[in-house]
Amino acid sequence: MSSTSKPSVLFVCVHNAGRSQMAAAFLSNLSAGQIEVRSAGSQPADAVNPAAVAAMNEVGIDMAGETPKILTTEAVKESDVVITMGCGDTCPIFPGKRYEDWVLEDPAGQGIEAVRPIRDEIRTRIEALISELLPATT
């Protein structure tokens, strides 16, 4: 990451319909635009998981307009940090990138009661990521 450009993060999961969408929405919202955010999936679904949309609405974040996107090599190349969430080996690896694998339960096919704890775990991880990428200046 250069000191003149803002850091960029790519969230990747298989369907880009739940975990990666929630993570991207939290990062966009909580970083107030100070971090460039992308999300994608190795096999994108047709739509974002409605339970994930509902769970995020409960915390004041609207994801209803989001659509799952296909993972591209360009998206990985353009990101400083790549966070995978259960996509296995489908994410291309490039030298000089920071990679993390967040082990999170898949919200696919689950109701909002099961999605809430996943959402809350993602928020905790996003808050920690923001503190690493945007250290406080005094």
N, C-alpha and C. Protein backbone atom coordinates (compact mmCIF):
# COMPACT_ATOMS: atom_id res chain seq x y z
N MET A 1 0.84 -1.18 0.00
CA MET A 1 0.00 0.00 0.00
C MET A 1 0.88 1.24 0.00
N SER A 2 0.57 2.16 -0.84
CA SER A 2 1.35 3.39 -0.86
C SER A 2 0.71 4.39 0.09
N SER A 3 1.49 5.35 0.53
CA SER A 3 0.97 6.33 1.48
C SER A 3 0.05 7.34 0.79
N THR A 4 0.06 7.39 -0.54
CA THR A 4 -0.76 8.37 -1.24
C THR A 4 -2.10 7.83 -1.68
N SER A 5 -2.28 6.52 -1.68
CA SER A 5 -3.57 5.97 -2.08
C SER A 5 -4.19 5.23 -0.91
N LYS A 6 -5.51 5.12 -0.96
CA LYS A 6 -6.18 4.43 0.13
C LYS A 6 -6.04 2.93 -0.05
N PRO A 7 -6.03 2.18 1.05
CA PRO A 7 -5.91 0.73 0.95
C PRO A 7 -7.16 0.14 0.29
N SER A 8 -6.99 -1.03 -0.31
CA SER A 8 -8.11 -1.69 -0.96
C SER A 8 -8.21 -3.13 -0.47
N VAL A 9 -9.46 -3.57 -0.31
CA VAL A 9 -9.73 -4.91 0.23
C VAL A 9 -10.72 -5.61 -0.70
N LEU A 10 -10.45 -6.88 -0.96
CA LEU A 10 -11.35 -7.73 -1.75
C LEU A 10 -11.82 -8.87 -0.86
N PHE A 11 -13.14 -9.03 -0.76
CA PHE A 11 -13.74 -10.15 -0.02
C PHE A 11 -14.23 -11.17 -1.04
N VAL A 12 -13.86 -12.44 -0.81
CA VAL A 12 -14.21 -13.50 -1.76
C VAL A 12 -14.87 -14.66 -1.02
N CYS A 13 -16.04 -15.07 -1.50
CA CYS A 13 -16.63 -16.34 -1.08
C CYS A 13 -17.23 -16.99 -2.32
N VAL A 14 -17.70 -18.18 -2.21
CA VAL A 14 -18.12 -18.93 -3.40
C VAL A 14 -19.23 -18.20 -4.17
N HIS A 15 -20.31 -17.86 -3.48
CA HIS A 15 -21.47 -17.31 -4.19
C HIS A 15 -21.57 -15.79 -4.15
N ASN A 16 -20.72 -15.13 -3.38
CA ASN A 16 -20.74 -13.67 -3.25
C ASN A 16 -22.16 -13.19 -2.95
N ALA A 17 -22.83 -13.92 -2.07
CA ALA A 17 -24.23 -13.61 -1.78
C ALA A 17 -24.51 -13.38 -0.30
N GLY A 18 -23.55 -13.72 0.57
CA GLY A 18 -23.79 -13.60 2.00
C GLY A 18 -22.61 -13.00 2.74
N ARG A 19 -21.65 -13.85 3.12
CA ARG A 19 -20.53 -13.40 3.94
C ARG A 19 -19.74 -12.27 3.30
N SER A 20 -19.34 -12.44 2.05
CA SER A 20 -18.52 -11.41 1.40
C SER A 20 -19.31 -10.13 1.19
N GLN A 21 -20.60 -10.25 0.93
CA GLN A 21 -21.43 -9.04 0.77
C GLN A 21 -21.58 -8.30 2.10
N MET A 22 -21.80 -9.05 3.19
CA MET A 22 -21.91 -8.40 4.50
C MET A 22 -20.59 -7.73 4.88
N ALA A 23 -19.48 -8.42 4.64
CA ALA A 23 -18.17 -7.86 4.97
C ALA A 23 -17.91 -6.58 4.17
N ALA A 24 -18.21 -6.61 2.88
CA ALA A 24 -18.00 -5.43 2.05
C ALA A 24 -18.88 -4.27 2.51
N ALA A 25 -20.13 -4.57 2.85
CA ALA A 25 -21.04 -3.52 3.30
C ALA A 25 -20.56 -2.91 4.62
N PHE A 26 -20.13 -3.76 5.56
CA PHE A 26 -19.60 -3.24 6.82
C PHE A 26 -18.36 -2.39 6.58
N LEU A 27 -17.43 -2.87 5.76
CA LEU A 27 -16.19 -2.13 5.54
C LEU A 27 -16.47 -0.79 4.87
N SER A 28 -17.34 -0.79 3.88
CA SER A 28 -17.69 0.48 3.21
C SER A 28 -18.30 1.45 4.21
N ASN A 29 -19.22 0.95 5.02
CA ASN A 29 -19.93 1.79 5.96
C ASN A 29 -19.03 2.28 7.09
N LEU A 30 -18.29 1.37 7.72
CA LEU A 30 -17.51 1.72 8.91
C LEU A 30 -16.21 2.46 8.59
N SER A 31 -15.70 2.33 7.37
CA SER A 31 -14.47 3.05 7.02
C SER A 31 -14.76 4.42 6.43
N ALA A 32 -16.03 4.73 6.24
CA ALA A 32 -16.45 6.04 5.72
C ALA A 32 -15.71 6.41 4.43
N GLY A 33 -15.54 5.42 3.55
CA GLY A 33 -14.91 5.68 2.26
C GLY A 33 -13.40 5.78 2.27
N GLN A 34 -12.78 5.51 3.40
CA GLN A 34 -11.32 5.60 3.47
C GLN A 34 -10.61 4.35 2.96
N ILE A 35 -11.40 3.31 2.68
CA ILE A 35 -10.85 2.06 2.16
C ILE A 35 -11.66 1.69 0.92
N GLU A 36 -10.97 1.32 -0.14
CA GLU A 36 -11.64 0.85 -1.36
C GLU A 36 -12.07 -0.59 -1.12
N VAL A 37 -13.33 -0.89 -1.43
CA VAL A 37 -13.91 -2.19 -1.10
C VAL A 37 -14.42 -2.89 -2.35
N ARG A 38 -14.08 -4.18 -2.47
CA ARG A 38 -14.58 -5.03 -3.55
C ARG A 38 -15.07 -6.34 -2.94
N SER A 39 -15.99 -7.00 -3.64
CA SER A 39 -16.37 -8.35 -3.25
C SER A 39 -16.67 -9.13 -4.52
N ALA A 40 -16.47 -10.45 -4.44
CA ALA A 40 -16.67 -11.29 -5.62
C ALA A 40 -16.81 -12.74 -5.18
N GLY A 41 -17.24 -13.56 -6.12
CA GLY A 41 -17.39 -14.98 -5.84
C GLY A 41 -16.87 -15.83 -6.97
N SER A 42 -16.42 -17.03 -6.64
CA SER A 42 -15.92 -17.95 -7.66
C SER A 42 -17.07 -18.54 -8.49
N GLN A 43 -18.24 -18.64 -7.90
CA GLN A 43 -19.46 -19.11 -8.59
C GLN A 43 -20.62 -18.25 -8.10
N PRO A 44 -20.71 -17.00 -8.57
CA PRO A 44 -21.70 -16.07 -8.01
C PRO A 44 -23.14 -16.56 -8.16
N ALA A 45 -23.91 -16.29 -7.12
CA ALA A 45 -25.34 -16.61 -7.12
C ALA A 45 -26.08 -15.60 -7.99
N ASP A 46 -27.36 -15.84 -8.17
CA ASP A 46 -28.19 -14.91 -8.95
C ASP A 46 -28.55 -13.66 -8.16
N ALA A 47 -28.58 -13.78 -6.83
CA ALA A 47 -28.98 -12.65 -5.99
C ALA A 47 -28.32 -12.76 -4.62
N VAL A 48 -28.27 -11.64 -3.92
CA VAL A 48 -27.75 -11.63 -2.56
C VAL A 48 -28.76 -12.34 -1.65
N ASN A 49 -28.25 -13.08 -0.69
CA ASN A 49 -29.06 -13.83 0.27
C ASN A 49 -30.02 -12.88 1.00
N PRO A 50 -31.34 -13.12 0.89
CA PRO A 50 -32.31 -12.23 1.54
C PRO A 50 -32.16 -12.17 3.06
N ALA A 51 -31.73 -13.27 3.69
CA ALA A 51 -31.52 -13.24 5.14
C ALA A 51 -30.34 -12.35 5.50
N ALA A 52 -29.31 -12.33 4.66
CA ALA A 52 -28.18 -11.44 4.89
C ALA A 52 -28.60 -9.99 4.72
N VAL A 53 -29.42 -9.71 3.71
CA VAL A 53 -29.92 -8.35 3.50
C VAL A 53 -30.73 -7.91 4.73
N ALA A 54 -31.61 -8.79 5.21
CA ALA A 54 -32.45 -8.47 6.37
C ALA A 54 -31.60 -8.25 7.62
N ALA A 55 -30.59 -9.10 7.82
CA ALA A 55 -29.73 -8.97 9.00
C ALA A 55 -28.96 -7.66 8.97
N MET A 56 -28.49 -7.25 7.81
CA MET A 56 -27.77 -5.99 7.70
C MET A 56 -28.71 -4.80 7.87
N ASN A 57 -29.94 -4.92 7.39
CA ASN A 57 -30.94 -3.86 7.61
C ASN A 57 -31.15 -3.61 9.10
N GLU A 58 -31.08 -4.67 9.90
CA GLU A 58 -31.25 -4.53 11.35
C GLU A 58 -30.19 -3.62 11.98
N VAL A 59 -29.02 -3.53 11.35
CA VAL A 59 -27.96 -2.67 11.89
C VAL A 59 -27.79 -1.40 11.05
N GLY A 60 -28.81 -1.11 10.23
CA GLY A 60 -28.84 0.15 9.50
C GLY A 60 -28.03 0.20 8.21
N ILE A 61 -27.71 -0.96 7.65
CA ILE A 61 -26.94 -0.99 6.40
C ILE A 61 -27.79 -1.66 5.33
N ASP A 62 -28.04 -0.96 4.24
CA ASP A 62 -28.89 -1.45 3.16
C ASP A 62 -28.03 -2.11 2.08
N MET A 63 -28.21 -3.42 1.90
CA MET A 63 -27.50 -4.16 0.85
C MET A 63 -28.45 -4.59 -0.27
N ALA A 64 -29.68 -4.13 -0.24
CA ALA A 64 -30.69 -4.61 -1.18
C ALA A 64 -30.30 -4.38 -2.64
N GLY A 65 -29.53 -3.36 -2.92
CA GLY A 65 -29.15 -3.06 -4.30
C GLY A 65 -27.90 -3.78 -4.80
N GLU A 66 -27.29 -4.59 -3.95
CA GLU A 66 -26.06 -5.28 -4.33
C GLU A 66 -26.38 -6.51 -5.19
N THR A 67 -25.42 -6.87 -6.04
CA THR A 67 -25.55 -8.08 -6.85
C THR A 67 -24.25 -8.87 -6.77
N PRO A 68 -24.34 -10.19 -6.75
CA PRO A 68 -23.12 -11.01 -6.75
C PRO A 68 -22.31 -10.79 -8.03
N LYS A 69 -20.98 -10.77 -7.86
CA LYS A 69 -20.06 -10.53 -8.97
C LYS A 69 -19.08 -11.68 -9.09
N ILE A 70 -18.62 -11.93 -10.31
CA ILE A 70 -17.65 -12.99 -10.56
C ILE A 70 -16.25 -12.52 -10.14
N LEU A 71 -15.51 -13.42 -9.56
CA LEU A 71 -14.12 -13.14 -9.18
C LEU A 71 -13.27 -13.04 -10.43
N THR A 72 -12.52 -11.96 -10.54
CA THR A 72 -11.62 -11.78 -11.68
C THR A 72 -10.18 -11.63 -11.18
N THR A 73 -9.25 -11.98 -12.04
CA THR A 73 -7.83 -11.80 -11.73
C THR A 73 -7.54 -10.33 -11.49
N GLU A 74 -8.19 -9.45 -12.25
CA GLU A 74 -7.97 -8.01 -12.11
C GLU A 74 -8.35 -7.52 -10.72
N ALA A 75 -9.48 -8.02 -10.19
CA ALA A 75 -9.92 -7.60 -8.86
C ALA A 75 -8.88 -7.97 -7.81
N VAL A 76 -8.27 -9.14 -7.96
CA VAL A 76 -7.23 -9.56 -7.01
C VAL A 76 -6.00 -8.68 -7.18
N LYS A 77 -5.58 -8.45 -8.43
CA LYS A 77 -4.40 -7.63 -8.69
C LYS A 77 -4.55 -6.22 -8.13
N GLU A 78 -5.77 -5.67 -8.18
CA GLU A 78 -6.01 -4.29 -7.77
C GLU A 78 -6.21 -4.14 -6.26
N SER A 79 -6.20 -5.23 -5.52
CA SER A 79 -6.47 -5.18 -4.08
C SER A 79 -5.20 -5.39 -3.27
N ASP A 80 -5.09 -4.67 -2.17
CA ASP A 80 -3.95 -4.82 -1.27
C ASP A 80 -4.16 -6.01 -0.34
N VAL A 81 -5.40 -6.21 0.08
CA VAL A 81 -5.74 -7.28 1.01
C VAL A 81 -6.84 -8.12 0.37
N VAL A 82 -6.67 -9.45 0.37
CA VAL A 82 -7.67 -10.37 -0.17
C VAL A 82 -8.10 -11.27 0.98
N ILE A 83 -9.40 -11.20 1.31
CA ILE A 83 -9.93 -12.00 2.41
C ILE A 83 -10.89 -13.02 1.81
N THR A 84 -10.54 -14.29 1.98
CA THR A 84 -11.37 -15.37 1.46
C THR A 84 -12.23 -15.93 2.59
N MET A 85 -13.39 -16.43 2.19
CA MET A 85 -14.35 -16.97 3.15
C MET A 85 -14.90 -18.27 2.60
N GLY A 86 -14.09 -19.30 2.62
CA GLY A 86 -14.56 -20.60 2.19
C GLY A 86 -14.53 -20.85 0.70
N CYS A 87 -13.68 -20.12 -0.04
CA CYS A 87 -13.64 -20.37 -1.49
C CYS A 87 -12.50 -21.31 -1.86
N GLY A 88 -11.79 -21.83 -0.88
CA GLY A 88 -10.74 -22.81 -1.16
C GLY A 88 -9.63 -22.26 -2.02
N ASP A 89 -9.26 -23.03 -3.03
CA ASP A 89 -8.12 -22.68 -3.87
C ASP A 89 -8.52 -21.92 -5.13
N THR A 90 -9.75 -21.44 -5.21
CA THR A 90 -10.18 -20.78 -6.44
C THR A 90 -9.69 -19.35 -6.56
N CYS A 91 -9.15 -18.79 -5.50
CA CYS A 91 -8.69 -17.41 -5.53
C CYS A 91 -7.24 -17.37 -6.03
N PRO A 92 -6.96 -16.59 -7.10
CA PRO A 92 -5.59 -16.51 -7.59
C PRO A 92 -4.67 -15.86 -6.55
N ILE A 93 -3.44 -16.31 -6.52
CA ILE A 93 -2.45 -15.80 -5.56
C ILE A 93 -1.41 -14.98 -6.31
N PHE A 94 -1.17 -13.77 -5.83
CA PHE A 94 -0.16 -12.90 -6.41
C PHE A 94 0.82 -12.49 -5.32
N PRO A 95 2.11 -12.48 -5.65
CA PRO A 95 3.11 -12.05 -4.66
C PRO A 95 2.84 -10.61 -4.22
N GLY A 96 3.14 -10.33 -2.96
CA GLY A 96 3.01 -8.98 -2.44
C GLY A 96 1.62 -8.62 -1.92
N LYS A 97 0.68 -9.53 -2.03
CA LYS A 97 -0.67 -9.29 -1.51
C LYS A 97 -0.78 -9.88 -0.11
N ARG A 98 -1.60 -9.29 0.69
CA ARG A 98 -1.90 -9.85 2.00
C ARG A 98 -3.15 -10.71 1.87
N TYR A 99 -3.04 -11.97 2.24
CA TYR A 99 -4.17 -12.89 2.16
C TYR A 99 -4.57 -13.33 3.56
N GLU A 100 -5.87 -13.38 3.79
CA GLU A 100 -6.42 -13.92 5.03
C GLU A 100 -7.58 -14.83 4.66
N ASP A 101 -7.75 -15.90 5.43
CA ASP A 101 -8.92 -16.76 5.24
C ASP A 101 -9.74 -16.69 6.52
N TRP A 102 -10.93 -16.13 6.41
CA TRP A 102 -11.83 -16.02 7.55
C TRP A 102 -12.75 -17.22 7.54
N VAL A 103 -12.65 -18.06 8.54
CA VAL A 103 -13.51 -19.22 8.65
C VAL A 103 -14.81 -18.77 9.32
N LEU A 104 -15.85 -18.71 8.51
CA LEU A 104 -17.16 -18.27 8.97
C LEU A 104 -18.22 -19.23 8.45
N GLU A 105 -19.24 -19.47 9.24
CA GLU A 105 -20.33 -20.33 8.80
C GLU A 105 -21.00 -19.71 7.57
N ASP A 106 -21.41 -20.54 6.63
CA ASP A 106 -22.08 -20.08 5.42
C ASP A 106 -23.55 -19.82 5.73
N PRO A 107 -24.03 -18.59 5.48
CA PRO A 107 -25.44 -18.28 5.75
C PRO A 107 -26.41 -18.79 4.70
N ALA A 108 -25.92 -19.41 3.64
CA ALA A 108 -26.79 -19.88 2.56
C ALA A 108 -27.86 -20.82 3.10
N GLY A 109 -29.10 -20.54 2.75
CA GLY A 109 -30.21 -21.39 3.12
C GLY A 109 -30.63 -21.30 4.58
N GLN A 110 -30.06 -20.38 5.33
CA GLN A 110 -30.38 -20.25 6.75
C GLN A 110 -31.29 -19.04 6.98
N GLY A 111 -32.03 -19.08 8.05
CA GLY A 111 -32.89 -17.97 8.43
C GLY A 111 -32.11 -16.87 9.12
N ILE A 112 -32.78 -15.77 9.36
CA ILE A 112 -32.12 -14.60 9.95
C ILE A 112 -31.54 -14.89 11.33
N GLU A 113 -32.18 -15.78 12.10
CA GLU A 113 -31.67 -16.12 13.43
C GLU A 113 -30.27 -16.71 13.34
N ALA A 114 -30.00 -17.51 12.31
CA ALA A 114 -28.67 -18.11 12.12
C ALA A 114 -27.69 -17.12 11.49
N VAL A 115 -28.21 -16.14 10.76
CA VAL A 115 -27.34 -15.18 10.07
C VAL A 115 -26.84 -14.10 11.03
N ARG A 116 -27.62 -13.75 12.04
CA ARG A 116 -27.21 -12.68 12.96
C ARG A 116 -25.84 -12.91 13.60
N PRO A 117 -25.55 -14.11 14.16
CA PRO A 117 -24.22 -14.29 14.76
C PRO A 117 -23.09 -14.23 13.73
N ILE A 118 -23.36 -14.67 12.50
CA ILE A 118 -22.35 -14.56 11.43
C ILE A 118 -22.10 -13.09 11.14
N ARG A 119 -23.18 -12.32 11.00
CA ARG A 119 -23.08 -10.87 10.77
C ARG A 119 -22.25 -10.21 11.87
N ASP A 120 -22.53 -10.56 13.13
CA ASP A 120 -21.84 -9.93 14.24
C ASP A 120 -20.36 -10.29 14.27
N GLU A 121 -20.03 -11.54 13.93
CA GLU A 121 -18.62 -11.95 13.85
C GLU A 121 -17.90 -11.20 12.74
N ILE A 122 -18.58 -11.03 11.61
CA ILE A 122 -17.98 -10.27 10.50
C ILE A 122 -17.71 -8.84 10.94
N ARG A 123 -18.67 -8.21 11.62
CA ARG A 123 -18.47 -6.83 12.07
C ARG A 123 -17.25 -6.72 12.99
N THR A 124 -17.09 -7.66 13.91
CA THR A 124 -15.94 -7.65 14.82
C THR A 124 -14.63 -7.73 14.02
N ARG A 125 -14.60 -8.61 13.04
CA ARG A 125 -13.39 -8.77 12.22
C ARG A 125 -13.14 -7.51 11.37
N ILE A 126 -14.21 -6.90 10.86
CA ILE A 126 -14.06 -5.68 10.06
C ILE A 126 -13.52 -4.54 10.91
N GLU A 127 -14.01 -4.41 12.12
CA GLU A 127 -13.50 -3.35 13.01
C GLU A 127 -12.01 -3.53 13.28
N ALA A 128 -11.58 -4.76 13.47
CA ALA A 128 -10.15 -5.03 13.68
C ALA A 128 -9.35 -4.72 12.41
N LEU A 129 -9.90 -5.09 11.25
CA LEU A 129 -9.22 -4.82 9.98
C LEU A 129 -9.05 -3.31 9.76
N ILE A 130 -10.10 -2.56 10.05
CA ILE A 130 -10.02 -1.10 9.89
C ILE A 130 -8.92 -0.53 10.79
N SER A 131 -8.83 -1.02 12.02
CA SER A 131 -7.79 -0.49 12.93
C SER A 131 -6.39 -0.82 12.42
N GLU A 132 -6.24 -1.92 11.68
CA GLU A 132 -4.94 -2.27 11.10
C GLU A 132 -4.63 -1.42 9.86
N LEU A 133 -5.64 -1.23 9.01
CA LEU A 133 -5.43 -0.53 7.74
C LEU A 133 -5.42 0.99 7.87
N LEU A 134 -6.13 1.48 8.87
CA LEU A 134 -6.21 2.93 9.09
C LEU A 134 -5.79 3.26 10.52
N PRO A 135 -4.49 3.12 10.80
CA PRO A 135 -4.05 3.40 12.17
C PRO A 135 -4.35 4.84 12.54
N ALA A 136 -4.75 5.03 13.77
CA ALA A 136 -5.09 6.38 14.25
C ALA A 136 -3.85 7.27 14.22
N THR A 137 -4.06 8.48 13.77
CA THR A 137 -2.95 9.45 13.76
C THR A 137 -3.19 10.46 14.88
N THR A 138 -2.11 10.84 15.53
CA THR A 138 -2.24 11.80 16.63
C THR A 138 -1.65 13.12 16.25
